[in-house]
């Protein structure tokens, strides 16, 4: 799975991490729904940290389509509401690699 951290680049993460990312994504969606900007920031930080710790950063010359995009950790509620889809930031069903 390829995850783009906006402002940092792309990371390849093992499919085993998807469940954890989906849990964190659910927390982000809940924070957005409740209008909790601090919860949004905390959730985005946790998502980005999980990707940084478990992923392998791709080189700048290695461009791949991203399966998920995680916005910057200071994203506003308004910006988050504009980009959230029914699947959230991390799609539940990923294409087979």
C-alpha atoms as a PDB file:
ATOM      1  CA  UNK A   1       0.000   0.000   0.000  1.00  0.00           C
ATOM      2  CA  UNK A   2       1.316   3.460  -0.898  1.00  0.00           C
ATOM      3  CA  UNK A   3       0.429   6.305   1.470  1.00  0.00           C
ATOM      4  CA  UNK A   4       1.226   9.936   0.738  1.00  0.00           C
ATOM      5  CA  UNK A   5       1.884  12.214   3.695  1.00  0.00           C
ATOM      6  CA  UNK A   6       1.245  15.656   2.247  1.00  0.00           C
ATOM      7  CA  UNK A   7       4.362  17.751   2.563  1.00  0.00           C
ATOM      8  CA  UNK A   8       6.580  14.722   3.264  1.00  0.00           C
ATOM      9  CA  UNK A   9       6.262  12.315   0.351  1.00  0.00           C
ATOM     10  CA  UNK A  10       5.163   8.754  -0.223  1.00  0.00           C
ATOM     11  CA  UNK A  11       5.650   5.709   1.974  1.00  0.00           C
ATOM     12  CA  UNK A  12       5.197   2.020   1.240  1.00  0.00           C
ATOM     13  CA  UNK A  13       3.430   0.348   4.183  1.00  0.00           C
ATOM     14  CA  UNK A  14       2.670  -3.298   4.736  1.00  0.00           C
ATOM     15  CA  UNK A  15      -0.946  -4.329   4.247  1.00  0.00           C
ATOM     16  CA  UNK A  16      -0.919  -5.568   7.852  1.00  0.00           C
ATOM     17  CA  UNK A  17      -0.931  -1.915   8.964  1.00  0.00           C
ATOM     18  CA  UNK A  18      -4.191  -1.157   7.141  1.00  0.00           C
ATOM     19  CA  UNK A  19      -6.388  -2.259  10.047  1.00  0.00           C
ATOM     20  CA  UNK A  20      -4.573   0.088  12.453  1.00  0.00           C
ATOM     21  CA  UNK A  21      -4.732   2.936   9.933  1.00  0.00           C
ATOM     22  CA  UNK A  22      -8.477   2.346   9.542  1.00  0.00           C
ATOM     23  CA  UNK A  23      -8.930   2.550  13.333  1.00  0.00           C
ATOM     24  CA  UNK A  24      -7.086   5.866  13.410  1.00  0.00           C
ATOM     25  CA  UNK A  25      -9.029   7.052  10.366  1.00  0.00           C
ATOM     26  CA  UNK A  26     -12.279   6.309  12.215  1.00  0.00           C
ATOM     27  CA  UNK A  27     -11.058   8.526  15.078  1.00  0.00           C
ATOM     28  CA  UNK A  28     -10.354  11.323  12.593  1.00  0.00           C
ATOM     29  CA  UNK A  29     -13.819  10.945  11.044  1.00  0.00           C
ATOM     30  CA  UNK A  30     -15.432  11.054  14.493  1.00  0.00           C
ATOM     31  CA  UNK A  31     -13.501  14.215  15.396  1.00  0.00           C
ATOM     32  CA  UNK A  32     -14.634  15.863  12.157  1.00  0.00           C
ATOM     33  CA  UNK A  33     -18.238  14.832  12.769  1.00  0.00           C
ATOM     34  CA  UNK A  34     -18.111  16.233  16.309  1.00  0.00           C
ATOM     35  CA  UNK A  35     -16.344  19.447  15.282  1.00  0.00           C
ATOM     36  CA  UNK A  36     -13.359  18.537  17.468  1.00  0.00           C
ATOM     37  CA  UNK A  37     -10.358  20.238  15.866  1.00  0.00           C
ATOM     38  CA  UNK A  38      -7.935  19.091  18.573  1.00  0.00           C
ATOM     39  CA  UNK A  39      -9.150  15.499  18.072  1.00  0.00           C
ATOM     40  CA  UNK A  40      -8.654  15.926  14.324  1.00  0.00           C
ATOM     41  CA  UNK A  41      -5.073  17.079  14.814  1.00  0.00           C
ATOM     42  CA  UNK A  42      -4.350  14.279  17.287  1.00  0.00           C
ATOM     43  CA  UNK A  43      -5.768  11.706  14.868  1.00  0.00           C
ATOM     44  CA  UNK A  44      -3.815  13.066  11.909  1.00  0.00           C
ATOM     45  CA  UNK A  45      -0.627  13.049  13.991  1.00  0.00           C
ATOM     46  CA  UNK A  46      -1.240   9.414  14.964  1.00  0.00           C
ATOM     47  CA  UNK A  47      -1.900   8.424  11.329  1.00  0.00           C
ATOM     48  CA  UNK A  48       1.245  10.148  10.111  1.00  0.00           C
ATOM     49  CA  UNK A  49       3.344   8.701  12.922  1.00  0.00           C
ATOM     50  CA  UNK A  50       2.130   5.154  12.206  1.00  0.00           C
ATOM     51  CA  UNK A  51       3.090   5.576   8.553  1.00  0.00           C
ATOM     52  CA  UNK A  52       6.495   7.079   9.402  1.00  0.00           C
ATOM     53  CA  UNK A  53       7.308   4.328  11.909  1.00  0.00           C
ATOM     54  CA  UNK A  54       6.089   1.337   9.891  1.00  0.00           C
ATOM     55  CA  UNK A  55       6.540   2.546   6.331  1.00  0.00           C
ATOM     56  CA  UNK A  56       9.488   2.847   4.010  1.00  0.00           C
ATOM     57  CA  UNK A  57       9.876   6.289   2.460  1.00  0.00           C
ATOM     58  CA  UNK A  58       9.991   6.170  -1.322  1.00  0.00           C
ATOM     59  CA  UNK A  59      12.632   8.155  -3.146  1.00  0.00           C
ATOM     60  CA  UNK A  60      11.610  11.453  -4.717  1.00  0.00           C
ATOM     61  CA  UNK A  61      12.207   9.926  -8.158  1.00  0.00           C
ATOM     62  CA  UNK A  62       9.907   6.963  -7.398  1.00  0.00           C
ATOM     63  CA  UNK A  63       6.381   8.237  -8.103  1.00  0.00           C
ATOM     64  CA  UNK A  64       3.529   5.768  -7.643  1.00  0.00           C
ATOM     65  CA  UNK A  65      -0.223   6.260  -7.420  1.00  0.00           C
ATOM     66  CA  UNK A  66      -1.167   6.715  -3.754  1.00  0.00           C
ATOM     67  CA  UNK A  67      -3.738   4.383  -2.211  1.00  0.00           C
ATOM     68  CA  UNK A  68      -4.328   6.903   0.587  1.00  0.00           C
ATOM     69  CA  UNK A  69      -3.425  10.521   1.260  1.00  0.00           C
ATOM     70  CA  UNK A  70      -2.971  11.878   4.772  1.00  0.00           C
ATOM     71  CA  UNK A  71      -3.216  15.649   5.055  1.00  0.00           C
ATOM     72  CA  UNK A  72      -0.866  17.758   7.196  1.00  0.00           C
ATOM     73  CA  UNK A  73      -1.334  17.534  10.924  1.00  0.00           C
ATOM     74  CA  UNK A  74      -2.557  21.158  11.163  1.00  0.00           C
ATOM     75  CA  UNK A  75      -5.447  20.629   8.731  1.00  0.00           C
ATOM     76  CA  UNK A  76      -8.520  22.651   9.694  1.00  0.00           C
ATOM     77  CA  UNK A  77     -11.956  21.169  10.268  1.00  0.00           C
ATOM     78  CA  UNK A  78     -13.252  23.028   7.222  1.00  0.00           C
ATOM     79  CA  UNK A  79     -10.500  21.609   5.004  1.00  0.00           C
ATOM     80  CA  UNK A  80     -11.068  18.118   6.424  1.00  0.00           C
ATOM     81  CA  UNK A  81     -14.802  18.264   5.734  1.00  0.00           C
ATOM     82  CA  UNK A  82     -14.072  19.167   2.105  1.00  0.00           C
ATOM     83  CA  UNK A  83     -11.795  16.168   1.455  1.00  0.00           C
ATOM     84  CA  UNK A  84     -13.368  13.420   3.558  1.00  0.00           C
ATOM     85  CA  UNK A  85     -15.242  10.827   1.554  1.00  0.00           C
ATOM     86  CA  UNK A  86     -17.459   7.955   2.625  1.00  0.00           C
ATOM     87  CA  UNK A  87     -14.329   5.804   2.990  1.00  0.00           C
ATOM     88  CA  UNK A  88     -12.435   8.399   5.014  1.00  0.00           C
ATOM     89  CA  UNK A  89      -8.756   9.020   4.363  1.00  0.00           C
ATOM     90  CA  UNK A  90      -7.840   5.322   4.325  1.00  0.00           C
ATOM     91  CA  UNK A  91     -10.003   3.232   1.957  1.00  0.00           C
ATOM     92  CA  UNK A  92     -11.464   0.081   3.525  1.00  0.00           C
ATOM     93  CA  UNK A  93     -11.011  -1.962   0.365  1.00  0.00           C
ATOM     94  CA  UNK A  94      -7.678  -1.647  -1.350  1.00  0.00           C
ATOM     95  CA  UNK A  95      -6.831  -3.035  -4.753  1.00  0.00           C
ATOM     96  CA  UNK A  96      -4.780  -6.225  -4.709  1.00  0.00           C
ATOM     97  CA  UNK A  97      -1.070  -5.661  -5.259  1.00  0.00           C
END
